[in-house]
């Protein structure tokens, strides 16, 4: 069973995740994904996340992305 107490939601881990994705997949926007005239890459990632309620943390997250 998944234990949420053991999960790491720090900005360092988020940076690692984004780096791993960028190094192995094409990233696309939801707009491109939903566009009917768009040709999608063979391998891609769509990623969604909640926006942090703290402006400084939200800005750091945006810079990582």
PDB file of N, CA and C in Angstrom:
ATOM      1  N   UNK A   1       0.832  -1.174   0.000  1.00  0.00           N
ATOM      2  CA  UNK A   1       0.000   0.000   0.000  1.00  0.00           C
ATOM      3  C   UNK A   1       0.885   1.250   0.000  1.00  0.00           C
ATOM      4  N   UNK A   2       0.446   2.258  -0.687  1.00  0.00           N
ATOM      5  CA  UNK A   2       1.188   3.510  -0.795  1.00  0.00           C
ATOM      6  C   UNK A   2       1.165   4.251   0.532  1.00  0.00           C
ATOM      7  N   UNK A   3       2.340   4.644   1.008  1.00  0.00           N
ATOM      8  CA  UNK A   3       2.441   5.383   2.260  1.00  0.00           C
ATOM      9  C   UNK A   3       2.838   6.814   1.936  1.00  0.00           C
ATOM     10  N   UNK A   4       1.923   7.741   2.066  1.00  0.00           N
ATOM     11  CA  UNK A   4       2.176   9.136   1.712  1.00  0.00           C
ATOM     12  C   UNK A   4       3.197   9.801   2.622  1.00  0.00           C
ATOM     13  N   UNK A   5       3.439   9.227   3.777  1.00  0.00           N
ATOM     14  CA  UNK A   5       4.429   9.800   4.691  1.00  0.00           C
ATOM     15  C   UNK A   5       5.850   9.613   4.174  1.00  0.00           C
ATOM     16  N   UNK A   6       6.057   8.650   3.295  1.00  0.00           N
ATOM     17  CA  UNK A   6       7.393   8.372   2.761  1.00  0.00           C
ATOM     18  C   UNK A   6       7.674   9.085   1.437  1.00  0.00           C
ATOM     19  N   UNK A   7       6.717   9.827   0.919  1.00  0.00           N
ATOM     20  CA  UNK A   7       6.891  10.499  -0.366  1.00  0.00           C
ATOM     21  C   UNK A   7       7.644  11.814  -0.187  1.00  0.00           C
ATOM     22  N   UNK A   8       8.403  12.171  -1.197  1.00  0.00           N
ATOM     23  CA  UNK A   8       9.230  13.377  -1.137  1.00  0.00           C
ATOM     24  C   UNK A   8       8.690  14.405  -2.122  1.00  0.00           C
ATOM     25  N   UNK A   9       8.072  15.449  -1.610  1.00  0.00           N
ATOM     26  CA  UNK A   9       7.494  16.492  -2.444  1.00  0.00           C
ATOM     27  C   UNK A   9       8.328  17.773  -2.409  1.00  0.00           C
ATOM     28  N   UNK A  10       9.618  17.637  -2.174  1.00  0.00           N
ATOM     29  CA  UNK A  10      10.475  18.816  -2.108  1.00  0.00           C
ATOM     30  C   UNK A  10      10.769  19.334  -3.515  1.00  0.00           C
ATOM     31  N   UNK A  11      11.207  20.590  -3.581  1.00  0.00           N
ATOM     32  CA  UNK A  11      11.580  21.173  -4.871  1.00  0.00           C
ATOM     33  C   UNK A  11      12.787  20.467  -5.465  1.00  0.00           C
ATOM     34  N   UNK A  12      13.692  19.948  -4.634  1.00  0.00           N
ATOM     35  CA  UNK A  12      14.833  19.194  -5.155  1.00  0.00           C
ATOM     36  C   UNK A  12      14.375  17.954  -5.916  1.00  0.00           C
ATOM     37  N   UNK A  13      13.423  17.223  -5.364  1.00  0.00           N
ATOM     38  CA  UNK A  13      12.898  16.030  -6.049  1.00  0.00           C
ATOM     39  C   UNK A  13      12.125  16.419  -7.305  1.00  0.00           C
ATOM     40  N   UNK A  14      11.392  17.520  -7.246  1.00  0.00           N
ATOM     41  CA  UNK A  14      10.667  17.990  -8.419  1.00  0.00           C
ATOM     42  C   UNK A  14      11.651  18.350  -9.530  1.00  0.00           C
ATOM     43  N   UNK A  15      12.760  18.972  -9.167  1.00  0.00           N
ATOM     44  CA  UNK A  15      13.799  19.317 -10.141  1.00  0.00           C
ATOM     45  C   UNK A  15      14.385  18.042 -10.762  1.00  0.00           C
ATOM     46  N   UNK A  16      14.649  17.030  -9.945  1.00  0.00           N
ATOM     47  CA  UNK A  16      15.152  15.750 -10.463  1.00  0.00           C
ATOM     48  C   UNK A  16      14.156  15.136 -11.443  1.00  0.00           C
ATOM     49  N   UNK A  17      12.881  15.164 -11.084  1.00  0.00           N
ATOM     50  CA  UNK A  17      11.845  14.605 -11.958  1.00  0.00           C
ATOM     51  C   UNK A  17      11.789  15.341 -13.290  1.00  0.00           C
ATOM     52  N   UNK A  18      11.776  16.668 -13.247  1.00  0.00           N
ATOM     53  CA  UNK A  18      11.722  17.461 -14.481  1.00  0.00           C
ATOM     54  C   UNK A  18      12.952  17.223 -15.346  1.00  0.00           C
ATOM     55  N   UNK A  19      14.114  17.101 -14.723  1.00  0.00           N
ATOM     56  CA  UNK A  19      15.346  16.833 -15.476  1.00  0.00           C
ATOM     57  C   UNK A  19      15.298  15.466 -16.141  1.00  0.00           C
ATOM     58  N   UNK A  20      14.816  14.477 -15.420  1.00  0.00           N
ATOM     59  CA  UNK A  20      14.710  13.127 -15.991  1.00  0.00           C
ATOM     60  C   UNK A  20      13.732  13.104 -17.160  1.00  0.00           C
ATOM     61  N   UNK A  21      12.630  13.786 -17.016  1.00  0.00           N
ATOM     62  CA  UNK A  21      11.633  13.854 -18.092  1.00  0.00           C
ATOM     63  C   UNK A  21      12.220  14.559 -19.304  1.00  0.00           C
ATOM     64  N   UNK A  22      12.831  15.717 -19.086  1.00  0.00           N
ATOM     65  CA  UNK A  22      13.381  16.502 -20.195  1.00  0.00           C
ATOM     66  C   UNK A  22      14.475  15.749 -20.936  1.00  0.00           C
ATOM     67  N   UNK A  23      15.203  14.898 -20.229  1.00  0.00           N
ATOM     68  CA  UNK A  23      16.279  14.136 -20.853  1.00  0.00           C
ATOM     69  C   UNK A  23      15.822  12.925 -21.633  1.00  0.00           C
ATOM     70  N   UNK A  24      14.565  12.516 -21.440  1.00  0.00           N
ATOM     71  CA  UNK A  24      14.101  11.268 -22.052  1.00  0.00           C
ATOM     72  C   UNK A  24      12.821  11.375 -22.869  1.00  0.00           C
ATOM     73  N   UNK A  25      12.111  12.466 -22.716  1.00  0.00           N
ATOM     74  CA  UNK A  25      10.827  12.614 -23.392  1.00  0.00           C
ATOM     75  C   UNK A  25      10.687  14.014 -23.974  1.00  0.00           C
ATOM     76  N   UNK A  26       9.814  14.119 -24.948  1.00  0.00           N
ATOM     77  CA  UNK A  26       9.426  15.421 -25.456  1.00  0.00           C
ATOM     78  C   UNK A  26       8.325  15.944 -24.546  1.00  0.00           C
ATOM     79  N   UNK A  27       8.420  17.179 -24.133  1.00  0.00           N
ATOM     80  CA  UNK A  27       7.351  17.766 -23.332  1.00  0.00           C
ATOM     81  C   UNK A  27       6.472  18.620 -24.239  1.00  0.00           C
ATOM     82  N   UNK A  28       5.190  18.533 -24.012  1.00  0.00           N
ATOM     83  CA  UNK A  28       4.237  19.312 -24.806  1.00  0.00           C
ATOM     84  C   UNK A  28       3.218  19.963 -23.860  1.00  0.00           C
ATOM     85  N   UNK A  29       2.579  20.983 -24.341  1.00  0.00           N
ATOM     86  CA  UNK A  29       1.555  21.660 -23.551  1.00  0.00           C
ATOM     87  C   UNK A  29       0.217  20.955 -23.726  1.00  0.00           C
ATOM     88  N   UNK A  30      -0.688  21.216 -22.786  1.00  0.00           N
ATOM     89  CA  UNK A  30      -2.046  20.678 -22.921  1.00  0.00           C
ATOM     90  C   UNK A  30      -2.712  21.242 -24.177  1.00  0.00           C
ATOM     91  N   UNK A  31      -2.412  22.499 -24.471  1.00  0.00           N
ATOM     92  CA  UNK A  31      -2.983  23.128 -25.665  1.00  0.00           C
ATOM     93  C   UNK A  31      -2.597  22.340 -26.919  1.00  0.00           C
ATOM     94  N   UNK A  32      -1.321  21.977 -27.031  1.00  0.00           N
ATOM     95  CA  UNK A  32      -0.875  21.205 -28.191  1.00  0.00           C
ATOM     96  C   UNK A  32      -1.502  19.815 -28.188  1.00  0.00           C
ATOM     97  N   UNK A  33      -1.575  19.190 -27.025  1.00  0.00           N
ATOM     98  CA  UNK A  33      -2.149  17.855 -26.922  1.00  0.00           C
ATOM     99  C   UNK A  33      -3.611  17.834 -27.353  1.00  0.00           C
ATOM    100  N   UNK A  34      -4.338  18.851 -26.964  1.00  0.00           N
ATOM    101  CA  UNK A  34      -5.767  18.899 -27.264  1.00  0.00           C
ATOM    102  C   UNK A  34      -6.086  19.448 -28.653  1.00  0.00           C
ATOM    103  N   UNK A  35      -5.099  20.020 -29.310  1.00  0.00           N
ATOM    104  CA  UNK A  35      -5.324  20.584 -30.633  1.00  0.00           C
ATOM    105  C   UNK A  35      -5.495  19.461 -31.648  1.00  0.00           C
ATOM    106  N   UNK A  36      -6.576  19.525 -32.380  1.00  0.00           N
ATOM    107  CA  UNK A  36      -6.874  18.450 -33.335  1.00  0.00           C
ATOM    108  C   UNK A  36      -5.938  18.464 -34.541  1.00  0.00           C
ATOM    109  N   UNK A  37      -5.320  19.596 -34.832  1.00  0.00           N
ATOM    110  CA  UNK A  37      -4.434  19.664 -36.001  1.00  0.00           C
ATOM    111  C   UNK A  37      -2.966  19.449 -35.630  1.00  0.00           C
ATOM    112  N   UNK A  38      -2.694  19.075 -34.397  1.00  0.00           N
ATOM    113  CA  UNK A  38      -1.328  18.921 -33.925  1.00  0.00           C
ATOM    114  C   UNK A  38      -0.825  17.493 -34.157  1.00  0.00           C
ATOM    115  N   UNK A  39       0.415  17.374 -34.638  1.00  0.00           N
ATOM    116  CA  UNK A  39       1.056  16.072 -34.778  1.00  0.00           C
ATOM    117  C   UNK A  39       1.855  15.829 -33.506  1.00  0.00           C
ATOM    118  N   UNK A  40       1.516  14.772 -32.797  1.00  0.00           N
ATOM    119  CA  UNK A  40       2.157  14.494 -31.516  1.00  0.00           C
ATOM    120  C   UNK A  40       3.407  13.649 -31.706  1.00  0.00           C
ATOM    121  N   UNK A  41       4.425  13.878 -30.857  1.00  0.00           N
ATOM    122  CA  UNK A  41       5.605  13.029 -30.915  1.00  0.00           C
ATOM    123  C   UNK A  41       5.252  11.604 -30.474  1.00  0.00           C
ATOM    124  N   UNK A  42       6.100  10.654 -30.829  1.00  0.00           N
ATOM    125  CA  UNK A  42       5.843   9.260 -30.475  1.00  0.00           C
ATOM    126  C   UNK A  42       5.844   9.060 -28.956  1.00  0.00           C
ATOM    127  N   UNK A  43       6.794   9.684 -28.287  1.00  0.00           N
ATOM    128  CA  UNK A  43       6.894   9.590 -26.821  1.00  0.00           C
ATOM    129  C   UNK A  43       6.821  10.996 -26.244  1.00  0.00           C
ATOM    130  N   UNK A  44       5.904  11.202 -25.333  1.00  0.00           N
ATOM    131  CA  UNK A  44       5.788  12.526 -24.725  1.00  0.00           C
ATOM    132  C   UNK A  44       5.227  12.398 -23.322  1.00  0.00           C
ATOM    133  N   UNK A  45       5.330  13.476 -22.577  1.00  0.00           N
ATOM    134  CA  UNK A  45       4.821  13.519 -21.211  1.00  0.00           C
ATOM    135  C   UNK A  45       3.883  14.711 -21.069  1.00  0.00           C
ATOM    136  N   UNK A  46       2.744  14.460 -20.467  1.00  0.00           N
ATOM    137  CA  UNK A  46       1.850  15.526 -20.012  1.00  0.00           C
ATOM    138  C   UNK A  46       1.928  15.487 -18.493  1.00  0.00           C
ATOM    139  N   UNK A  47       2.228  16.608 -17.893  1.00  0.00           N
ATOM    140  CA  UNK A  47       2.387  16.621 -16.445  1.00  0.00           C
ATOM    141  C   UNK A  47       1.498  17.694 -15.844  1.00  0.00           C
ATOM    142  N   UNK A  48       0.813  17.346 -14.799  1.00  0.00           N
ATOM    143  CA  UNK A  48      -0.058  18.272 -14.094  1.00  0.00           C
ATOM    144  C   UNK A  48       0.395  18.341 -12.652  1.00  0.00           C
ATOM    145  N   UNK A  49       0.305  19.517 -12.098  1.00  0.00           N
ATOM    146  CA  UNK A  49       0.595  19.654 -10.675  1.00  0.00           C
ATOM    147  C   UNK A  49      -0.245  20.772 -10.087  1.00  0.00           C
ATOM    148  N   UNK A  50      -0.407  20.724  -8.781  1.00  0.00           N
ATOM    149  CA  UNK A  50      -1.116  21.790  -8.087  1.00  0.00           C
ATOM    150  C   UNK A  50      -0.185  22.977  -7.916  1.00  0.00           C
ATOM    151  N   UNK A  51      -0.748  24.145  -7.908  1.00  0.00           N
ATOM    152  CA  UNK A  51       0.042  25.355  -7.682  1.00  0.00           C
ATOM    153  C   UNK A  51       0.160  25.567  -6.180  1.00  0.00           C
ATOM    154  N   UNK A  52       1.360  25.822  -5.735  1.00  0.00           N
ATOM    155  CA  UNK A  52       1.598  26.044  -4.323  1.00  0.00           C
ATOM    156  C   UNK A  52       0.907  27.320  -3.866  1.00  0.00           C
ATOM    157  N   UNK A  53       0.391  27.302  -2.650  1.00  0.00           N
ATOM    158  CA  UNK A  53      -0.300  28.494  -2.142  1.00  0.00           C
ATOM    159  C   UNK A  53       0.671  29.599  -1.743  1.00  0.00           C
ATOM    160  N   UNK A  54       1.941  29.285  -1.608  1.00  0.00           N
ATOM    161  CA  UNK A  54       2.939  30.273  -1.221  1.00  0.00           C
ATOM    162  C   UNK A  54       3.594  30.838  -2.474  1.00  0.00           C
ATOM    163  N   UNK A  55       3.483  32.123  -2.728  1.00  0.00           N
ATOM    164  CA  UNK A  55       4.009  32.724  -3.964  1.00  0.00           C
ATOM    165  C   UNK A  55       5.492  32.442  -4.225  1.00  0.00           C
ATOM    166  N   UNK A  56       6.334  32.481  -3.192  1.00  0.00           N
ATOM    167  CA  UNK A  56       7.762  32.231  -3.413  1.00  0.00           C
ATOM    168  C   UNK A  56       8.015  30.795  -3.866  1.00  0.00           C
ATOM    169  N   UNK A  57       7.286  29.849  -3.291  1.00  0.00           N
ATOM    170  CA  UNK A  57       7.438  28.449  -3.701  1.00  0.00           C
ATOM    171  C   UNK A  57       6.890  28.249  -5.106  1.00  0.00           C
ATOM    172  N   UNK A  58       5.767  28.889  -5.417  1.00  0.00           N
ATOM    173  CA  UNK A  58       5.194  28.779  -6.764  1.00  0.00           C
ATOM    174  C   UNK A  58       6.162  29.336  -7.806  1.00  0.00           C
ATOM    175  N   UNK A  59       6.844  30.411  -7.491  1.00  0.00           N
ATOM    176  CA  UNK A  59       7.819  30.990  -8.410  1.00  0.00           C
ATOM    177  C   UNK A  59       9.007  30.053  -8.611  1.00  0.00           C
ATOM    178  N   UNK A  60       9.488  29.446  -7.546  1.00  0.00           N
ATOM    179  CA  UNK A  60      10.597  28.493  -7.658  1.00  0.00           C
ATOM    180  C   UNK A  60      10.192  27.288  -8.508  1.00  0.00           C
ATOM    181  N   UNK A  61       8.958  26.815  -8.319  1.00  0.00           N
ATOM    182  CA  UNK A  61       8.450  25.709  -9.115  1.00  0.00           C
ATOM    183  C   UNK A  61       8.393  26.084 -10.591  1.00  0.00           C
ATOM    184  N   UNK A  62       7.902  27.274 -10.880  1.00  0.00           N
ATOM    185  CA  UNK A  62       7.827  27.736 -12.275  1.00  0.00           C
ATOM    186  C   UNK A  62       9.205  27.834 -12.895  1.00  0.00           C
ATOM    187  N   UNK A  63      10.184  28.284 -12.152  1.00  0.00           N
ATOM    188  CA  UNK A  63      11.546  28.381 -12.682  1.00  0.00           C
ATOM    189  C   UNK A  63      12.115  27.004 -13.000  1.00  0.00           C
ATOM    190  N   UNK A  64      11.819  26.019 -12.173  1.00  0.00           N
ATOM    191  CA  UNK A  64      12.278  24.652 -12.444  1.00  0.00           C
ATOM    192  C   UNK A  64      11.647  24.139 -13.728  1.00  0.00           C
ATOM    193  N   UNK A  65      10.350  24.389 -13.882  1.00  0.00           N
ATOM    194  CA  UNK A  65       9.649  23.919 -15.082  1.00  0.00           C
ATOM    195  C   UNK A  65      10.209  24.586 -16.312  1.00  0.00           C
TER     196      UNK A  65
END
